[in-house]
Amino acid sequence: MNTGIIILAAGESTRMGEPKQLLPYRGTTLLQHAIDTARSVPRAPVVVVLGANADRIRGELNEPFILIEENPDWREGMGSSIRAGLSALTAAHPKISSAIFLLCDQPLVSASTLTDLIAAHERTKRAIVASEYGGALGVPALFARSVFPELLALDGADGARRVIHAHRAEAVGIHFADGVIDLDTPEDYTRFNNSLQERFAKIPA
């Protein structure tokens, strides 16, 4: 199995009021945490797609072992970042057989979340394995090379869910309840941090 991981981090974070990629999280930033998580998957090349605030965000990263791809068309929407990330991944690794997409603001994605997607793909041979939460399938999600052309054909505003929906009958869902967490506003971020404190407070010392 030859799987690459693409972290989509090109958004402007307009509703947050500051780059969410650089928000503090567990002693680092949301983006760095996503990178560290992706890099913990053995033999998986990692691509990070930047767009808005790219220079500032790039300056906060010290990652010689990942590929940073800047998407000049980030204003078009998620589809443009998917195209940029997948194009960079396949150019650098022409024999890649599948790709996992995740967002930098999915803080509770773990290495096991990603390896579960890979294991399900290897077990079922399905072209799409997606996280299941909130009554739908979404990212993190794995796409086999057979659906790369559809991802590369996405319009700017369309995300990976369009391709997942087109193949819903044959897609595999992996339960990931924490995928529903969405950090779009300062209130979301505060609520999330408060929930983390409550969660850890319940863990016996």
N, C-alpha and C. Protein backbone atom coordinates (compact mmCIF):
# COMPACT_ATOMS: atom_id res chain seq x y z
N MET A 1 0.84 -1.19 0.00
CA MET A 1 0.00 0.00 0.00
C MET A 1 0.88 1.25 0.00
N ASN A 2 0.57 2.19 -0.85
CA ASN A 2 1.36 3.40 -1.00
C ASN A 2 0.42 4.60 -0.92
N THR A 3 0.25 5.11 0.30
CA THR A 3 -0.73 6.17 0.55
C THR A 3 -0.04 7.46 0.93
N GLY A 4 -0.47 8.57 0.33
CA GLY A 4 0.00 9.89 0.72
C GLY A 4 -1.07 10.61 1.52
N ILE A 5 -0.66 11.61 2.27
CA ILE A 5 -1.58 12.38 3.11
C ILE A 5 -1.49 13.85 2.72
N ILE A 6 -2.65 14.45 2.45
CA ILE A 6 -2.72 15.85 2.04
C ILE A 6 -3.50 16.63 3.09
N ILE A 7 -2.85 17.62 3.67
CA ILE A 7 -3.48 18.47 4.68
C ILE A 7 -3.91 19.76 4.00
N LEU A 8 -5.19 20.04 4.04
CA LEU A 8 -5.75 21.24 3.40
C LEU A 8 -5.77 22.37 4.42
N ALA A 9 -4.94 23.39 4.18
CA ALA A 9 -4.78 24.47 5.16
C ALA A 9 -4.66 25.82 4.45
N ALA A 10 -5.46 26.01 3.40
CA ALA A 10 -5.32 27.21 2.57
C ALA A 10 -6.35 28.29 2.88
N GLY A 11 -7.30 28.00 3.77
CA GLY A 11 -8.40 28.92 4.00
C GLY A 11 -7.99 30.20 4.71
N GLU A 12 -8.83 31.22 4.58
CA GLU A 12 -8.55 32.55 5.12
C GLU A 12 -8.98 32.69 6.57
N SER A 13 -9.81 31.77 7.07
CA SER A 13 -10.27 31.82 8.47
C SER A 13 -11.00 33.13 8.76
N THR A 14 -11.82 33.57 7.83
CA THR A 14 -12.50 34.86 7.98
C THR A 14 -13.33 34.92 9.25
N ARG A 15 -14.08 33.88 9.54
CA ARG A 15 -14.97 33.89 10.71
C ARG A 15 -14.20 33.79 12.01
N MET A 16 -12.99 33.22 11.97
CA MET A 16 -12.18 33.13 13.17
C MET A 16 -11.52 34.47 13.49
N GLY A 17 -11.24 35.27 12.46
CA GLY A 17 -10.62 36.57 12.69
C GLY A 17 -9.11 36.52 12.74
N GLU A 18 -8.52 35.36 12.64
CA GLU A 18 -7.08 35.15 12.60
C GLU A 18 -6.83 33.79 11.99
N PRO A 19 -5.62 33.52 11.51
CA PRO A 19 -5.37 32.23 10.87
C PRO A 19 -5.57 31.07 11.84
N LYS A 20 -6.58 30.26 11.61
CA LYS A 20 -6.82 29.15 12.53
C LYS A 20 -5.68 28.14 12.48
N GLN A 21 -4.95 28.11 11.37
CA GLN A 21 -3.82 27.19 11.26
C GLN A 21 -2.82 27.38 12.39
N LEU A 22 -2.72 28.61 12.91
CA LEU A 22 -1.71 28.94 13.92
C LEU A 22 -2.28 29.03 15.33
N LEU A 23 -3.53 28.66 15.52
CA LEU A 23 -4.11 28.68 16.87
C LEU A 23 -3.40 27.67 17.76
N PRO A 24 -3.12 28.02 19.00
CA PRO A 24 -2.45 27.09 19.92
C PRO A 24 -3.28 25.84 20.18
N TYR A 25 -2.58 24.72 20.21
CA TYR A 25 -3.24 23.45 20.53
C TYR A 25 -2.20 22.46 21.03
N ARG A 26 -2.37 22.04 22.26
CA ARG A 26 -1.54 21.00 22.88
C ARG A 26 -0.04 21.29 22.72
N GLY A 27 0.32 22.52 23.04
CA GLY A 27 1.72 22.89 23.03
C GLY A 27 2.29 23.24 21.67
N THR A 28 1.45 23.22 20.64
CA THR A 28 1.89 23.58 19.30
C THR A 28 0.76 24.35 18.63
N THR A 29 0.59 24.20 17.34
CA THR A 29 -0.52 24.85 16.63
C THR A 29 -1.41 23.79 16.00
N LEU A 30 -2.59 24.21 15.58
CA LEU A 30 -3.49 23.26 14.93
C LEU A 30 -2.84 22.64 13.70
N LEU A 31 -2.18 23.46 12.89
CA LEU A 31 -1.57 22.91 11.68
C LEU A 31 -0.40 22.00 12.02
N GLN A 32 0.46 22.42 12.95
CA GLN A 32 1.60 21.58 13.28
C GLN A 32 1.15 20.25 13.88
N HIS A 33 0.06 20.29 14.66
CA HIS A 33 -0.48 19.05 15.22
C HIS A 33 -0.94 18.12 14.09
N ALA A 34 -1.61 18.69 13.09
CA ALA A 34 -2.06 17.87 11.95
C ALA A 34 -0.86 17.28 11.22
N ILE A 35 0.19 18.07 11.05
CA ILE A 35 1.40 17.58 10.39
C ILE A 35 2.03 16.46 11.20
N ASP A 36 2.16 16.66 12.50
CA ASP A 36 2.76 15.64 13.36
C ASP A 36 1.96 14.34 13.30
N THR A 37 0.63 14.48 13.28
CA THR A 37 -0.23 13.30 13.19
C THR A 37 -0.01 12.57 11.88
N ALA A 38 0.01 13.32 10.78
CA ALA A 38 0.21 12.70 9.46
C ALA A 38 1.58 12.05 9.36
N ARG A 39 2.58 12.69 9.89
CA ARG A 39 3.94 12.16 9.79
C ARG A 39 4.13 10.89 10.63
N SER A 40 3.23 10.66 11.57
CA SER A 40 3.35 9.46 12.40
C SER A 40 2.87 8.21 11.67
N VAL A 41 2.26 8.37 10.51
CA VAL A 41 1.84 7.22 9.70
C VAL A 41 3.04 6.73 8.91
N PRO A 42 3.47 5.51 9.11
CA PRO A 42 4.71 5.03 8.47
C PRO A 42 4.66 5.10 6.94
N ARG A 43 5.74 5.58 6.38
CA ARG A 43 5.97 5.57 4.93
C ARG A 43 4.93 6.36 4.13
N ALA A 44 4.26 7.29 4.77
CA ALA A 44 3.26 8.10 4.06
C ALA A 44 3.82 9.50 3.79
N PRO A 45 4.05 9.85 2.52
CA PRO A 45 4.48 11.21 2.23
C PRO A 45 3.37 12.20 2.57
N VAL A 46 3.77 13.39 3.01
CA VAL A 46 2.81 14.39 3.47
C VAL A 46 2.94 15.67 2.64
N VAL A 47 1.79 16.17 2.20
CA VAL A 47 1.71 17.44 1.48
C VAL A 47 0.82 18.39 2.29
N VAL A 48 1.28 19.61 2.48
CA VAL A 48 0.47 20.64 3.14
C VAL A 48 0.16 21.72 2.10
N VAL A 49 -1.12 22.01 1.94
CA VAL A 49 -1.54 23.03 0.97
C VAL A 49 -1.83 24.33 1.71
N LEU A 50 -1.07 25.37 1.37
CA LEU A 50 -1.27 26.70 1.96
C LEU A 50 -1.87 27.63 0.92
N GLY A 51 -2.45 28.73 1.41
CA GLY A 51 -3.04 29.71 0.50
C GLY A 51 -3.04 31.07 1.16
N ALA A 52 -4.14 31.43 1.84
CA ALA A 52 -4.19 32.68 2.59
C ALA A 52 -3.13 32.67 3.68
N ASN A 53 -2.48 33.81 3.86
CA ASN A 53 -1.45 33.96 4.91
C ASN A 53 -0.31 32.95 4.76
N ALA A 54 -0.03 32.55 3.53
CA ALA A 54 0.95 31.48 3.30
C ALA A 54 2.33 31.84 3.85
N ASP A 55 2.79 33.06 3.62
CA ASP A 55 4.13 33.43 4.08
C ASP A 55 4.23 33.38 5.59
N ARG A 56 3.22 33.88 6.26
CA ARG A 56 3.22 33.88 7.73
C ARG A 56 3.19 32.45 8.26
N ILE A 57 2.34 31.62 7.69
CA ILE A 57 2.21 30.25 8.17
C ILE A 57 3.46 29.44 7.86
N ARG A 58 3.99 29.61 6.66
CA ARG A 58 5.21 28.89 6.29
C ARG A 58 6.36 29.23 7.24
N GLY A 59 6.40 30.49 7.70
CA GLY A 59 7.45 30.92 8.60
C GLY A 59 7.38 30.25 9.96
N GLU A 60 6.22 29.71 10.30
CA GLU A 60 6.04 29.02 11.59
C GLU A 60 6.37 27.54 11.49
N LEU A 61 6.62 27.04 10.29
CA LEU A 61 6.86 25.62 10.10
C LEU A 61 8.34 25.34 9.91
N ASN A 62 8.78 24.27 10.50
CA ASN A 62 10.15 23.80 10.30
C ASN A 62 10.06 22.32 9.96
N GLU A 63 9.70 22.06 8.72
CA GLU A 63 9.36 20.69 8.31
C GLU A 63 10.10 20.31 7.04
N PRO A 64 11.34 19.86 7.15
CA PRO A 64 12.10 19.50 5.94
C PRO A 64 11.60 18.23 5.27
N PHE A 65 10.76 17.46 5.95
CA PHE A 65 10.37 16.15 5.40
C PHE A 65 8.94 16.14 4.84
N ILE A 66 8.36 17.32 4.66
CA ILE A 66 7.05 17.39 4.03
C ILE A 66 7.15 18.31 2.81
N LEU A 67 6.15 18.19 1.94
CA LEU A 67 6.08 19.05 0.77
C LEU A 67 5.03 20.12 1.03
N ILE A 68 5.43 21.38 0.96
CA ILE A 68 4.51 22.49 1.14
C ILE A 68 4.16 23.04 -0.23
N GLU A 69 2.88 23.01 -0.55
CA GLU A 69 2.39 23.47 -1.86
C GLU A 69 1.51 24.69 -1.65
N GLU A 70 1.85 25.78 -2.32
CA GLU A 70 1.03 26.99 -2.20
C GLU A 70 0.01 27.02 -3.33
N ASN A 71 -1.24 27.21 -2.96
CA ASN A 71 -2.33 27.26 -3.92
C ASN A 71 -2.67 28.71 -4.24
N PRO A 72 -2.26 29.20 -5.40
CA PRO A 72 -2.54 30.60 -5.73
C PRO A 72 -4.02 30.87 -5.98
N ASP A 73 -4.80 29.81 -6.17
CA ASP A 73 -6.22 29.96 -6.46
C ASP A 73 -7.09 29.65 -5.23
N TRP A 74 -6.53 29.82 -4.04
CA TRP A 74 -7.25 29.40 -2.82
C TRP A 74 -8.59 30.10 -2.67
N ARG A 75 -8.71 31.29 -3.22
CA ARG A 75 -9.98 32.03 -3.09
C ARG A 75 -11.13 31.32 -3.81
N GLU A 76 -10.81 30.44 -4.75
CA GLU A 76 -11.86 29.71 -5.47
C GLU A 76 -12.57 28.71 -4.57
N GLY A 77 -11.91 28.25 -3.51
CA GLY A 77 -12.55 27.30 -2.61
C GLY A 77 -11.77 26.00 -2.47
N MET A 78 -12.38 25.07 -1.75
CA MET A 78 -11.71 23.84 -1.37
C MET A 78 -11.26 23.00 -2.57
N GLY A 79 -12.05 22.99 -3.61
CA GLY A 79 -11.70 22.18 -4.77
C GLY A 79 -10.35 22.55 -5.35
N SER A 80 -10.04 23.84 -5.34
CA SER A 80 -8.75 24.26 -5.89
C SER A 80 -7.59 23.75 -5.03
N SER A 81 -7.79 23.68 -3.73
CA SER A 81 -6.73 23.16 -2.85
C SER A 81 -6.58 21.65 -2.99
N ILE A 82 -7.70 20.95 -3.20
CA ILE A 82 -7.63 19.51 -3.45
C ILE A 82 -6.83 19.26 -4.73
N ARG A 83 -7.11 20.03 -5.77
CA ARG A 83 -6.37 19.87 -7.02
C ARG A 83 -4.88 20.15 -6.82
N ALA A 84 -4.58 21.23 -6.11
CA ALA A 84 -3.18 21.61 -5.89
C ALA A 84 -2.44 20.54 -5.09
N GLY A 85 -3.07 20.06 -4.04
CA GLY A 85 -2.42 19.07 -3.19
C GLY A 85 -2.21 17.74 -3.90
N LEU A 86 -3.24 17.30 -4.61
CA LEU A 86 -3.13 16.01 -5.30
C LEU A 86 -2.14 16.08 -6.45
N SER A 87 -2.12 17.20 -7.15
CA SER A 87 -1.16 17.36 -8.25
C SER A 87 0.26 17.34 -7.71
N ALA A 88 0.49 18.00 -6.58
CA ALA A 88 1.83 18.01 -5.99
C ALA A 88 2.23 16.62 -5.51
N LEU A 89 1.29 15.92 -4.90
CA LEU A 89 1.59 14.58 -4.40
C LEU A 89 1.94 13.62 -5.53
N THR A 90 1.15 13.61 -6.59
CA THR A 90 1.39 12.66 -7.68
C THR A 90 2.62 13.05 -8.50
N ALA A 91 2.95 14.33 -8.54
CA ALA A 91 4.17 14.74 -9.24
C ALA A 91 5.41 14.28 -8.47
N ALA A 92 5.35 14.39 -7.15
CA ALA A 92 6.50 13.99 -6.33
C ALA A 92 6.59 12.48 -6.14
N HIS A 93 5.44 11.82 -6.19
CA HIS A 93 5.38 10.38 -5.96
C HIS A 93 4.48 9.74 -7.03
N PRO A 94 4.99 9.56 -8.23
CA PRO A 94 4.17 9.11 -9.37
C PRO A 94 3.49 7.76 -9.16
N LYS A 95 4.03 6.93 -8.28
CA LYS A 95 3.45 5.60 -8.07
C LYS A 95 2.49 5.54 -6.89
N ILE A 96 2.11 6.69 -6.37
CA ILE A 96 1.19 6.70 -5.22
C ILE A 96 -0.12 6.03 -5.62
N SER A 97 -0.66 5.20 -4.72
CA SER A 97 -1.86 4.44 -5.07
C SER A 97 -3.13 4.97 -4.40
N SER A 98 -2.98 5.82 -3.39
CA SER A 98 -4.16 6.39 -2.74
C SER A 98 -3.74 7.63 -1.97
N ALA A 99 -4.72 8.46 -1.63
CA ALA A 99 -4.44 9.70 -0.90
C ALA A 99 -5.50 9.91 0.16
N ILE A 100 -5.05 10.36 1.32
CA ILE A 100 -5.95 10.75 2.40
C ILE A 100 -5.97 12.27 2.47
N PHE A 101 -7.17 12.84 2.53
CA PHE A 101 -7.33 14.28 2.72
C PHE A 101 -7.83 14.53 4.14
N LEU A 102 -7.22 15.52 4.80
CA LEU A 102 -7.75 15.97 6.08
C LEU A 102 -7.58 17.47 6.19
N LEU A 103 -8.32 18.05 7.12
CA LEU A 103 -8.30 19.49 7.34
C LEU A 103 -7.43 19.82 8.54
N CYS A 104 -6.82 20.99 8.52
CA CYS A 104 -5.93 21.34 9.62
C CYS A 104 -6.71 21.63 10.90
N ASP A 105 -8.02 21.88 10.78
CA ASP A 105 -8.80 22.21 11.98
C ASP A 105 -9.66 21.03 12.45
N GLN A 106 -9.14 19.83 12.27
CA GLN A 106 -9.76 18.64 12.83
C GLN A 106 -8.85 18.12 13.94
N PRO A 107 -8.87 18.77 15.11
CA PRO A 107 -7.85 18.53 16.13
C PRO A 107 -7.84 17.15 16.74
N LEU A 108 -8.95 16.42 16.66
CA LEU A 108 -9.00 15.12 17.31
C LEU A 108 -8.72 13.96 16.35
N VAL A 109 -8.28 14.29 15.14
CA VAL A 109 -7.78 13.25 14.25
C VAL A 109 -6.47 12.72 14.82
N SER A 110 -6.35 11.42 14.90
CA SER A 110 -5.15 10.79 15.43
C SER A 110 -4.51 9.91 14.36
N ALA A 111 -3.33 9.42 14.67
CA ALA A 111 -2.67 8.50 13.74
C ALA A 111 -3.52 7.26 13.51
N SER A 112 -4.21 6.80 14.55
CA SER A 112 -5.05 5.62 14.40
C SER A 112 -6.25 5.90 13.50
N THR A 113 -6.75 7.14 13.51
CA THR A 113 -7.82 7.50 12.58
C THR A 113 -7.37 7.28 11.14
N LEU A 114 -6.17 7.71 10.85
CA LEU A 114 -5.64 7.61 9.49
C LEU A 114 -5.28 6.17 9.12
N THR A 115 -4.66 5.45 10.06
CA THR A 115 -4.31 4.06 9.76
C THR A 115 -5.56 3.18 9.66
N ASP A 116 -6.64 3.55 10.36
CA ASP A 116 -7.90 2.81 10.21
C ASP A 116 -8.45 2.96 8.79
N LEU A 117 -8.32 4.15 8.22
CA LEU A 117 -8.77 4.36 6.84
C LEU A 117 -7.97 3.48 5.88
N ILE A 118 -6.66 3.44 6.08
CA ILE A 118 -5.80 2.62 5.22
C ILE A 118 -6.13 1.14 5.38
N ALA A 119 -6.31 0.70 6.62
CA ALA A 119 -6.61 -0.71 6.87
C ALA A 119 -7.94 -1.11 6.24
N ALA A 120 -8.95 -0.23 6.33
CA ALA A 120 -10.25 -0.53 5.74
C ALA A 120 -10.16 -0.61 4.22
N HIS A 121 -9.35 0.25 3.63
CA HIS A 121 -9.16 0.20 2.18
C HIS A 121 -8.48 -1.09 1.77
N GLU A 122 -7.46 -1.48 2.51
CA GLU A 122 -6.76 -2.72 2.18
C GLU A 122 -7.66 -3.93 2.35
N ARG A 123 -8.55 -3.86 3.36
CA ARG A 123 -9.42 -5.00 3.64
C ARG A 123 -10.56 -5.11 2.64
N THR A 124 -11.15 -3.99 2.26
CA THR A 124 -12.35 -4.01 1.43
C THR A 124 -12.07 -3.78 -0.05
N LYS A 125 -10.92 -3.18 -0.36
CA LYS A 125 -10.56 -2.83 -1.74
C LYS A 125 -11.50 -1.77 -2.32
N ARG A 126 -12.25 -1.09 -1.48
CA ARG A 126 -13.13 -0.03 -1.97
C ARG A 126 -12.32 1.20 -2.35
N ALA A 127 -12.81 1.95 -3.33
CA ALA A 127 -12.07 3.10 -3.83
C ALA A 127 -12.13 4.29 -2.88
N ILE A 128 -13.14 4.34 -2.02
CA ILE A 128 -13.28 5.46 -1.08
C ILE A 128 -13.58 4.91 0.31
N VAL A 129 -12.81 5.37 1.28
CA VAL A 129 -13.09 5.08 2.69
C VAL A 129 -13.13 6.42 3.40
N ALA A 130 -14.26 6.75 4.00
CA ALA A 130 -14.45 8.08 4.58
C ALA A 130 -14.85 7.98 6.05
N SER A 131 -14.60 9.06 6.77
CA SER A 131 -15.01 9.14 8.16
C SER A 131 -16.51 9.40 8.23
N GLU A 132 -17.15 8.74 9.18
CA GLU A 132 -18.60 8.87 9.33
C GLU A 132 -18.91 9.61 10.63
N TYR A 133 -19.57 10.75 10.49
CA TYR A 133 -19.97 11.55 11.66
C TYR A 133 -21.10 12.49 11.25
N GLY A 134 -21.91 12.84 12.22
CA GLY A 134 -23.02 13.75 11.95
C GLY A 134 -23.97 13.25 10.90
N GLY A 135 -24.08 11.92 10.74
CA GLY A 135 -25.01 11.35 9.79
C GLY A 135 -24.55 11.41 8.35
N ALA A 136 -23.27 11.70 8.12
CA ALA A 136 -22.76 11.79 6.76
C ALA A 136 -21.32 11.29 6.71
N LEU A 137 -20.81 11.15 5.50
CA LEU A 137 -19.41 10.78 5.31
C LEU A 137 -18.61 12.01 4.92
N GLY A 138 -17.40 12.11 5.46
CA GLY A 138 -16.57 13.27 5.16
C GLY A 138 -15.11 12.97 5.38
N VAL A 139 -14.31 14.01 5.45
CA VAL A 139 -12.88 13.85 5.69
C VAL A 139 -12.62 13.80 7.19
N PRO A 140 -11.52 13.15 7.57
CA PRO A 140 -10.52 12.51 6.75
C PRO A 140 -11.11 11.38 5.90
N ALA A 141 -10.67 11.32 4.68
CA ALA A 141 -11.15 10.29 3.77
C ALA A 141 -10.02 9.86 2.85
N LEU A 142 -10.04 8.58 2.51
CA LEU A 142 -9.05 8.01 1.60
C LEU A 142 -9.67 7.78 0.24
N PHE A 143 -8.93 8.15 -0.80
CA PHE A 143 -9.38 7.97 -2.18
C PHE A 143 -8.33 7.18 -2.94
N ALA A 144 -8.77 6.11 -3.60
CA ALA A 144 -7.86 5.32 -4.43
C ALA A 144 -7.53 6.09 -5.70
N ARG A 145 -6.47 5.68 -6.36
CA ARG A 145 -6.01 6.37 -7.57
C ARG A 145 -7.09 6.38 -8.66
N SER A 146 -7.98 5.40 -8.64
CA SER A 146 -9.01 5.32 -9.68
C SER A 146 -9.95 6.52 -9.66
N VAL A 147 -10.06 7.21 -8.52
CA VAL A 147 -10.94 8.39 -8.46
C VAL A 147 -10.15 9.70 -8.46
N PHE A 148 -8.83 9.64 -8.64
CA PHE A 148 -8.05 10.87 -8.71
C PHE A 148 -8.56 11.81 -9.81
N PRO A 149 -8.91 11.30 -11.00
CA PRO A 149 -9.39 12.22 -12.03
C PRO A 149 -10.60 13.04 -11.60
N GLU A 150 -11.50 12.43 -10.80
CA GLU A 150 -12.67 13.16 -10.33
C GLU A 150 -12.28 14.25 -9.33
N LEU A 151 -11.31 13.96 -8.49
CA LEU A 151 -10.84 14.96 -7.54
C LEU A 151 -10.16 16.12 -8.27
N LEU A 152 -9.40 15.80 -9.29
CA LEU A 152 -8.71 16.83 -10.06
C LEU A 152 -9.66 17.66 -10.91
N ALA A 153 -10.88 17.17 -11.09
CA ALA A 153 -11.87 17.89 -11.90
C ALA A 153 -12.83 18.72 -11.05
N LEU A 154 -12.63 18.75 -9.74
CA LEU A 154 -13.53 19.49 -8.86
C LEU A 154 -13.48 20.98 -9.17
N ASP A 155 -14.66 21.61 -9.15
CA ASP A 155 -14.71 23.06 -9.25
C ASP A 155 -14.19 23.67 -7.96
N GLY A 156 -13.86 24.93 -8.01
CA GLY A 156 -13.26 25.57 -6.85
C GLY A 156 -14.05 25.44 -5.57
N ALA A 157 -15.36 25.60 -5.65
CA ALA A 157 -16.18 25.61 -4.45
C ALA A 157 -16.50 24.21 -3.94
N ASP A 158 -16.29 23.19 -4.76
CA ASP A 158 -16.65 21.83 -4.37
C ASP A 158 -15.53 21.20 -3.54
N GLY A 159 -15.94 20.40 -2.53
CA GLY A 159 -14.98 19.69 -1.73
C GLY A 159 -15.02 18.20 -2.01
N ALA A 160 -14.30 17.46 -1.18
CA ALA A 160 -14.20 16.02 -1.38
C ALA A 160 -15.55 15.32 -1.22
N ARG A 161 -16.46 15.93 -0.46
CA ARG A 161 -17.75 15.28 -0.25
C ARG A 161 -18.53 15.09 -1.55
N ARG A 162 -18.28 15.92 -2.54
CA ARG A 162 -18.96 15.74 -3.82
C ARG A 162 -18.58 14.40 -4.44
N VAL A 163 -17.30 14.05 -4.38
CA VAL A 163 -16.84 12.77 -4.93
C VAL A 163 -17.34 11.62 -4.06
N ILE A 164 -17.30 11.80 -2.74
CA ILE A 164 -17.82 10.76 -1.84
C ILE A 164 -19.29 10.49 -2.14
N HIS A 165 -20.06 11.56 -2.30
CA HIS A 165 -21.50 11.40 -2.56
C HIS A 165 -21.74 10.69 -3.89
N ALA A 166 -20.92 10.99 -4.88
CA ALA A 166 -21.08 10.36 -6.20
C ALA A 166 -20.85 8.86 -6.14
N HIS A 167 -20.09 8.41 -5.13
CA HIS A 167 -19.76 6.99 -4.99
C HIS A 167 -20.31 6.42 -3.68
N ARG A 168 -21.37 7.03 -3.17
CA ARG A 168 -21.85 6.67 -1.83
C ARG A 168 -22.18 5.19 -1.70
N ALA A 169 -22.74 4.61 -2.74
CA ALA A 169 -23.16 3.21 -2.66
C ALA A 169 -21.99 2.27 -2.43
N GLU A 170 -20.84 2.61 -2.97
CA GLU A 170 -19.70 1.70 -2.82
C GLU A 170 -18.64 2.21 -1.85
N ALA A 171 -18.88 3.37 -1.23
CA ALA A 171 -17.93 3.90 -0.25
C ALA A 171 -18.08 3.19 1.09
N VAL A 172 -16.99 3.13 1.82
CA VAL A 172 -16.98 2.53 3.16
C VAL A 172 -16.88 3.65 4.18
N GLY A 173 -17.69 3.57 5.24
CA GLY A 173 -17.64 4.55 6.31
C GLY A 173 -16.96 3.99 7.55
N ILE A 174 -16.09 4.80 8.17
CA ILE A 174 -15.42 4.46 9.41
C ILE A 174 -15.90 5.43 10.48
N HIS A 175 -16.45 4.90 11.56
CA HIS A 175 -17.01 5.76 12.60
C HIS A 175 -15.93 6.66 13.21
N PHE A 176 -16.19 7.96 13.21
CA PHE A 176 -15.30 8.94 13.82
C PHE A 176 -16.14 10.10 14.35
N ALA A 177 -16.72 9.90 15.51
CA ALA A 177 -17.67 10.86 16.07
C ALA A 177 -17.07 12.26 16.23
N ASP A 178 -15.78 12.33 16.57
CA ASP A 178 -15.15 13.63 16.81
C ASP A 178 -14.90 14.41 15.52
N GLY A 179 -15.18 13.81 14.38
CA GLY A 179 -15.04 14.54 13.13
C GLY A 179 -16.03 15.68 13.00
N VAL A 180 -17.07 15.65 13.80
CA VAL A 180 -18.10 16.69 13.72
C VAL A 180 -17.62 18.02 14.28
N ILE A 181 -16.52 17.99 15.04
CA ILE A 181 -15.99 19.22 15.63
C ILE A 181 -15.51 20.15 14.52
N ASP A 182 -16.00 21.38 14.54
CA ASP A 182 -15.73 22.34 13.48
C ASP A 182 -15.29 23.65 14.12
N LEU A 183 -14.04 24.04 13.95
CA LEU A 183 -13.50 25.24 14.58
C LEU A 183 -13.50 26.39 13.58
N ASP A 184 -14.63 27.07 13.47
CA ASP A 184 -14.76 28.16 12.50
C ASP A 184 -14.75 29.54 13.14
N THR A 185 -15.17 29.63 14.40
CA THR A 185 -15.31 30.92 15.07
C THR A 185 -14.57 30.91 16.41
N PRO A 186 -14.29 32.09 16.98
CA PRO A 186 -13.68 32.12 18.31
C PRO A 186 -14.50 31.37 19.34
N GLU A 187 -15.83 31.41 19.20
CA GLU A 187 -16.69 30.69 20.13
C GLU A 187 -16.50 29.19 20.00
N ASP A 188 -16.35 28.70 18.77
CA ASP A 188 -16.08 27.28 18.55
C ASP A 188 -14.78 26.87 19.24
N TYR A 189 -13.77 27.70 19.08
CA TYR A 189 -12.45 27.40 19.64
C TYR A 189 -12.49 27.38 21.17
N THR A 190 -13.17 28.38 21.76
CA THR A 190 -13.30 28.43 23.22
C THR A 190 -14.08 27.23 23.74
N ARG A 191 -15.17 26.92 23.06
CA ARG A 191 -16.00 25.78 23.48
C ARG A 191 -15.20 24.47 23.39
N PHE A 192 -14.42 24.34 22.35
CA PHE A 192 -13.61 23.14 22.18
C PHE A 192 -12.58 23.01 23.30
N ASN A 193 -11.88 24.10 23.60
CA ASN A 193 -10.88 24.05 24.67
C ASN A 193 -11.51 23.73 26.02
N ASN A 194 -12.70 24.29 26.26
CA ASN A 194 -13.40 23.98 27.51
C ASN A 194 -13.78 22.51 27.57
N SER A 195 -14.21 21.96 26.44
CA SER A 195 -14.60 20.55 26.42
C SER A 195 -13.40 19.65 26.64
N LEU A 196 -12.23 20.06 26.13
CA LEU A 196 -11.01 19.28 26.36
C LEU A 196 -10.66 19.26 27.84
N GLN A 197 -10.78 20.41 28.49
CA GLN A 197 -10.47 20.47 29.92
C GLN A 197 -11.40 19.55 30.71
N GLU A 198 -12.68 19.54 30.33
CA GLU A 198 -13.62 18.67 31.01
C GLU A 198 -13.30 17.20 30.76
N ARG A 199 -12.91 16.90 29.52
CA ARG A 199 -12.60 15.52 29.17
C ARG A 199 -11.41 15.00 29.97
N PHE A 200 -10.35 15.82 30.05
CA PHE A 200 -9.15 15.40 30.76
C PHE A 200 -9.36 15.37 32.27
N ALA A 201 -10.27 16.24 32.74
CA ALA A 201 -10.54 16.27 34.18
C ALA A 201 -11.21 14.98 34.65
N LYS A 202 -11.87 14.29 33.73
CA LYS A 202 -12.56 13.04 34.09
C LYS A 202 -11.64 11.84 34.06
N ILE A 203 -10.41 12.03 33.53
CA ILE A 203 -9.45 10.92 33.47
C ILE A 203 -8.78 10.78 34.84
N PRO A 204 -8.83 9.60 35.47
CA PRO A 204 -8.22 9.43 36.79
C PRO A 204 -6.72 9.72 36.76
N ALA A 205 -6.24 10.36 37.79
CA ALA A 205 -4.81 10.69 37.88
C ALA A 205 -4.01 9.41 38.14
